[in-house]
């Protein structure tokens, strides 16, 4: 299973469309700061399931700030990251990952791509798909009991 992870689209839906066409994912996650962008993307690709959480710039959205999913036995947390203070450090995110026994902690907010593994938990920040100079996104692959996470520059080499 291939999951495409976006964050911080900030009105730039075209970059998400390009990434979906490039990757042909089974699912899409949007981690906030572009709630309406994600809704428009889902309207364009209605057969691809979408999960999303609001970011600090998504006003008037009545959805929870985070979403805990279990996919193929993997515990995955989706959040924007601002409530965990990810611009300062991953300390609170690490505590949350340990407390919730997470396999994957997905967050955005910093606009900086990151893939890191601490203990059993993968931490993935896809960066900003809305960035006009260096747009990036994340790809999570679930293959049997193996989980893999990576970031991709939209305009770079694969």
C-alpha atoms as a PDB file:
ATOM      1  CA  UNK A   1       0.000   0.000   0.000  1.00  0.00           C
ATOM      2  CA  UNK A   2       1.310   3.422  -0.968  1.00  0.00           C
ATOM      3  CA  UNK A   3       0.182   6.480   1.015  1.00  0.00           C
ATOM      4  CA  UNK A   4       0.902   9.976  -0.261  1.00  0.00           C
ATOM      5  CA  UNK A   5       1.424  12.511   2.532  1.00  0.00           C
ATOM      6  CA  UNK A   6       0.954  16.251   2.019  1.00  0.00           C
ATOM      7  CA  UNK A   7       1.137  19.229   4.322  1.00  0.00           C
ATOM      8  CA  UNK A   8       1.107  22.989   4.045  1.00  0.00           C
ATOM      9  CA  UNK A   9      -0.337  23.323   0.550  1.00  0.00           C
ATOM     10  CA  UNK A  10      -1.435  26.906   1.312  1.00  0.00           C
ATOM     11  CA  UNK A  11      -3.571  27.224  -1.821  1.00  0.00           C
ATOM     12  CA  UNK A  12      -1.231  25.446  -4.241  1.00  0.00           C
ATOM     13  CA  UNK A  13      -3.362  22.510  -5.306  1.00  0.00           C
ATOM     14  CA  UNK A  14      -1.600  22.057  -8.643  1.00  0.00           C
ATOM     15  CA  UNK A  15       1.469  20.619  -6.938  1.00  0.00           C
ATOM     16  CA  UNK A  16      -0.663  18.008  -5.182  1.00  0.00           C
ATOM     17  CA  UNK A  17      -2.286  16.998  -8.464  1.00  0.00           C
ATOM     18  CA  UNK A  18       1.164  16.537 -10.047  1.00  0.00           C
ATOM     19  CA  UNK A  19       2.297  14.367  -7.119  1.00  0.00           C
ATOM     20  CA  UNK A  20      -0.838  12.195  -7.251  1.00  0.00           C
ATOM     21  CA  UNK A  21      -0.404  11.679 -10.988  1.00  0.00           C
ATOM     22  CA  UNK A  22       3.277  10.806 -10.469  1.00  0.00           C
ATOM     23  CA  UNK A  23       2.807   8.410  -7.530  1.00  0.00           C
ATOM     24  CA  UNK A  24      -0.635   6.780  -8.098  1.00  0.00           C
ATOM     25  CA  UNK A  25      -1.236   6.291  -4.354  1.00  0.00           C
ATOM     26  CA  UNK A  26      -3.724   4.005  -2.634  1.00  0.00           C
ATOM     27  CA  UNK A  27      -4.473   6.664   0.027  1.00  0.00           C
ATOM     28  CA  UNK A  28      -3.790  10.355   0.610  1.00  0.00           C
ATOM     29  CA  UNK A  29      -3.143  12.075   3.934  1.00  0.00           C
ATOM     30  CA  UNK A  30      -3.168  15.874   4.267  1.00  0.00           C
ATOM     31  CA  UNK A  31      -1.661  17.204   7.489  1.00  0.00           C
ATOM     32  CA  UNK A  32      -3.160  20.679   7.499  1.00  0.00           C
ATOM     33  CA  UNK A  33      -2.780  24.254   6.311  1.00  0.00           C
ATOM     34  CA  UNK A  34      -4.739  23.612   3.179  1.00  0.00           C
ATOM     35  CA  UNK A  35      -8.027  22.025   4.247  1.00  0.00           C
ATOM     36  CA  UNK A  36      -9.906  23.309   1.197  1.00  0.00           C
ATOM     37  CA  UNK A  37      -7.020  22.301  -1.075  1.00  0.00           C
ATOM     38  CA  UNK A  38      -7.352  18.725   0.179  1.00  0.00           C
ATOM     39  CA  UNK A  39     -11.117  18.803  -0.383  1.00  0.00           C
ATOM     40  CA  UNK A  40     -10.604  19.978  -3.976  1.00  0.00           C
ATOM     41  CA  UNK A  41      -7.969  17.275  -4.518  1.00  0.00           C
ATOM     42  CA  UNK A  42     -10.394  14.633  -3.254  1.00  0.00           C
ATOM     43  CA  UNK A  43     -13.060  15.933  -5.632  1.00  0.00           C
ATOM     44  CA  UNK A  44     -10.587  15.502  -8.496  1.00  0.00           C
ATOM     45  CA  UNK A  45      -9.542  11.989  -7.372  1.00  0.00           C
ATOM     46  CA  UNK A  46     -12.670  10.684  -5.597  1.00  0.00           C
ATOM     47  CA  UNK A  47     -11.594   7.029  -5.791  1.00  0.00           C
ATOM     48  CA  UNK A  48      -8.518   7.638  -3.625  1.00  0.00           C
ATOM     49  CA  UNK A  49      -9.426   7.670   0.082  1.00  0.00           C
ATOM     50  CA  UNK A  50      -8.419  10.901   1.856  1.00  0.00           C
ATOM     51  CA  UNK A  51      -7.765  11.508   5.549  1.00  0.00           C
ATOM     52  CA  UNK A  52      -6.965  14.991   6.791  1.00  0.00           C
ATOM     53  CA  UNK A  53      -6.444  17.066   9.895  1.00  0.00           C
ATOM     54  CA  UNK A  54      -6.581  20.848  10.218  1.00  0.00           C
ATOM     55  CA  UNK A  55      -3.525  23.034  10.652  1.00  0.00           C
ATOM     56  CA  UNK A  56      -3.062  26.296  12.502  1.00  0.00           C
ATOM     57  CA  UNK A  57      -4.083  28.260   9.364  1.00  0.00           C
ATOM     58  CA  UNK A  58      -7.239  26.224   8.711  1.00  0.00           C
ATOM     59  CA  UNK A  59      -9.832  28.440  10.356  1.00  0.00           C
ATOM     60  CA  UNK A  60     -13.405  27.374  11.137  1.00  0.00           C
ATOM     61  CA  UNK A  61     -12.691  23.675  10.642  1.00  0.00           C
ATOM     62  CA  UNK A  62     -14.563  21.616  13.233  1.00  0.00           C
ATOM     63  CA  UNK A  63     -12.463  18.451  12.908  1.00  0.00           C
ATOM     64  CA  UNK A  64     -10.166  17.089  15.628  1.00  0.00           C
ATOM     65  CA  UNK A  65      -6.567  18.371  15.606  1.00  0.00           C
ATOM     66  CA  UNK A  66      -5.234  14.838  15.273  1.00  0.00           C
ATOM     67  CA  UNK A  67      -6.305  11.472  13.973  1.00  0.00           C
ATOM     68  CA  UNK A  68      -5.079   8.062  15.121  1.00  0.00           C
ATOM     69  CA  UNK A  69      -5.418   5.302  12.530  1.00  0.00           C
ATOM     70  CA  UNK A  70      -4.479   1.642  12.490  1.00  0.00           C
ATOM     71  CA  UNK A  71      -3.585   0.435   9.019  1.00  0.00           C
ATOM     72  CA  UNK A  72      -2.343  -3.112   8.517  1.00  0.00           C
ATOM     73  CA  UNK A  73      -1.472  -3.297  12.193  1.00  0.00           C
ATOM     74  CA  UNK A  74       0.470  -0.017  12.185  1.00  0.00           C
ATOM     75  CA  UNK A  75      -0.533   2.750  14.590  1.00  0.00           C
ATOM     76  CA  UNK A  76      -0.310   6.042  12.688  1.00  0.00           C
ATOM     77  CA  UNK A  77      -0.901   9.517  14.097  1.00  0.00           C
ATOM     78  CA  UNK A  78      -1.785  12.381  11.759  1.00  0.00           C
ATOM     79  CA  UNK A  79      -1.398  15.914  13.099  1.00  0.00           C
ATOM     80  CA  UNK A  80      -0.234  19.287  11.878  1.00  0.00           C
ATOM     81  CA  UNK A  81       2.400  19.474  14.581  1.00  0.00           C
ATOM     82  CA  UNK A  82       1.795  22.931  16.028  1.00  0.00           C
ATOM     83  CA  UNK A  83       0.139  21.462  19.130  1.00  0.00           C
ATOM     84  CA  UNK A  84       3.339  19.476  19.805  1.00  0.00           C
ATOM     85  CA  UNK A  85       5.707  22.426  19.325  1.00  0.00           C
ATOM     86  CA  UNK A  86       7.541  20.754  16.431  1.00  0.00           C
ATOM     87  CA  UNK A  87       9.168  24.019  15.334  1.00  0.00           C
ATOM     88  CA  UNK A  88      11.162  23.975  18.576  1.00  0.00           C
ATOM     89  CA  UNK A  89      11.897  20.245  18.944  1.00  0.00           C
ATOM     90  CA  UNK A  90      10.467  16.749  18.564  1.00  0.00           C
ATOM     91  CA  UNK A  91      10.575  16.117  22.315  1.00  0.00           C
ATOM     92  CA  UNK A  92       6.797  16.312  22.848  1.00  0.00           C
ATOM     93  CA  UNK A  93       6.175  14.353  19.643  1.00  0.00           C
ATOM     94  CA  UNK A  94       8.534  11.671  20.922  1.00  0.00           C
ATOM     95  CA  UNK A  95       6.684  11.464  24.225  1.00  0.00           C
ATOM     96  CA  UNK A  96       3.366  11.172  22.389  1.00  0.00           C
ATOM     97  CA  UNK A  97       4.763   8.459  20.114  1.00  0.00           C
ATOM     98  CA  UNK A  98       5.933   6.461  23.108  1.00  0.00           C
ATOM     99  CA  UNK A  99       2.727   6.947  25.111  1.00  0.00           C
ATOM    100  CA  UNK A 100       0.524   5.952  22.174  1.00  0.00           C
ATOM    101  CA  UNK A 101       2.782   3.122  20.972  1.00  0.00           C
ATOM    102  CA  UNK A 102       3.009   4.662  17.493  1.00  0.00           C
ATOM    103  CA  UNK A 103       4.672   3.136  14.474  1.00  0.00           C
ATOM    104  CA  UNK A 104       4.427   6.381  12.492  1.00  0.00           C
ATOM    105  CA  UNK A 105       4.081  10.006  13.627  1.00  0.00           C
ATOM    106  CA  UNK A 106       3.092  12.269  10.714  1.00  0.00           C
ATOM    107  CA  UNK A 107       3.327  16.051  11.063  1.00  0.00           C
ATOM    108  CA  UNK A 108       3.879  19.216   9.050  1.00  0.00           C
ATOM    109  CA  UNK A 109       3.984  22.873  10.139  1.00  0.00           C
ATOM    110  CA  UNK A 110       7.748  23.466   9.794  1.00  0.00           C
ATOM    111  CA  UNK A 111       7.764  23.304   5.963  1.00  0.00           C
ATOM    112  CA  UNK A 112      11.001  21.279   6.282  1.00  0.00           C
ATOM    113  CA  UNK A 113      11.047  17.668   5.043  1.00  0.00           C
ATOM    114  CA  UNK A 114      12.204  15.159   7.645  1.00  0.00           C
ATOM    115  CA  UNK A 115      12.403  11.399   7.981  1.00  0.00           C
ATOM    116  CA  UNK A 116      13.720  10.068  11.275  1.00  0.00           C
ATOM    117  CA  UNK A 117      13.390   6.849  13.202  1.00  0.00           C
ATOM    118  CA  UNK A 118      13.495   6.823  16.979  1.00  0.00           C
ATOM    119  CA  UNK A 119      13.080   3.407  18.514  1.00  0.00           C
ATOM    120  CA  UNK A 120      10.225   1.718  16.700  1.00  0.00           C
ATOM    121  CA  UNK A 121       8.610   4.991  15.570  1.00  0.00           C
ATOM    122  CA  UNK A 122       9.108   6.653  12.213  1.00  0.00           C
ATOM    123  CA  UNK A 123       8.702  10.447  12.207  1.00  0.00           C
ATOM    124  CA  UNK A 124       7.793  11.947   8.850  1.00  0.00           C
ATOM    125  CA  UNK A 125       7.328  15.580   7.921  1.00  0.00           C
ATOM    126  CA  UNK A 126       6.586  15.795   4.192  1.00  0.00           C
ATOM    127  CA  UNK A 127       7.648  19.452   4.043  1.00  0.00           C
ATOM    128  CA  UNK A 128       5.482  21.919   2.162  1.00  0.00           C
ATOM    129  CA  UNK A 129       3.810  20.817  -1.065  1.00  0.00           C
ATOM    130  CA  UNK A 130       2.727  24.452  -1.473  1.00  0.00           C
ATOM    131  CA  UNK A 131       6.295  25.798  -1.559  1.00  0.00           C
ATOM    132  CA  UNK A 132       6.956  27.452  -4.912  1.00  0.00           C
ATOM    133  CA  UNK A 133      10.731  26.866  -4.878  1.00  0.00           C
ATOM    134  CA  UNK A 134      11.165  23.393  -3.307  1.00  0.00           C
ATOM    135  CA  UNK A 135       7.786  21.648  -2.971  1.00  0.00           C
ATOM    136  CA  UNK A 136       7.994  18.275  -1.279  1.00  0.00           C
ATOM    137  CA  UNK A 137       5.766  15.455  -0.115  1.00  0.00           C
ATOM    138  CA  UNK A 138       6.029  12.160   1.730  1.00  0.00           C
ATOM    139  CA  UNK A 139       5.500   8.590   0.648  1.00  0.00           C
ATOM    140  CA  UNK A 140       4.691   5.857   3.152  1.00  0.00           C
ATOM    141  CA  UNK A 141       4.820   2.277   1.941  1.00  0.00           C
ATOM    142  CA  UNK A 142       3.245  -0.583   3.882  1.00  0.00           C
ATOM    143  CA  UNK A 143       4.386  -3.932   2.534  1.00  0.00           C
ATOM    144  CA  UNK A 144       3.447  -6.887   4.706  1.00  0.00           C
ATOM    145  CA  UNK A 145       4.800  -6.079   8.159  1.00  0.00           C
ATOM    146  CA  UNK A 146       7.341  -3.597   6.766  1.00  0.00           C
ATOM    147  CA  UNK A 147       6.773   0.172   6.957  1.00  0.00           C
ATOM    148  CA  UNK A 148       8.946   2.584   4.971  1.00  0.00           C
ATOM    149  CA  UNK A 149       8.836   6.380   4.868  1.00  0.00           C
ATOM    150  CA  UNK A 150      10.585   8.868   2.593  1.00  0.00           C
ATOM    151  CA  UNK A 151      10.320  12.421   1.338  1.00  0.00           C
ATOM    152  CA  UNK A 152      10.349  13.440  -2.313  1.00  0.00           C
ATOM    153  CA  UNK A 153      11.091  16.778  -3.964  1.00  0.00           C
ATOM    154  CA  UNK A 154       8.344  17.369  -6.517  1.00  0.00           C
ATOM    155  CA  UNK A 155      10.712  19.082  -8.959  1.00  0.00           C
ATOM    156  CA  UNK A 156      13.708  16.867  -8.215  1.00  0.00           C
ATOM    157  CA  UNK A 157      14.879  13.427  -9.069  1.00  0.00           C
ATOM    158  CA  UNK A 158      12.888  10.501  -7.724  1.00  0.00           C
END
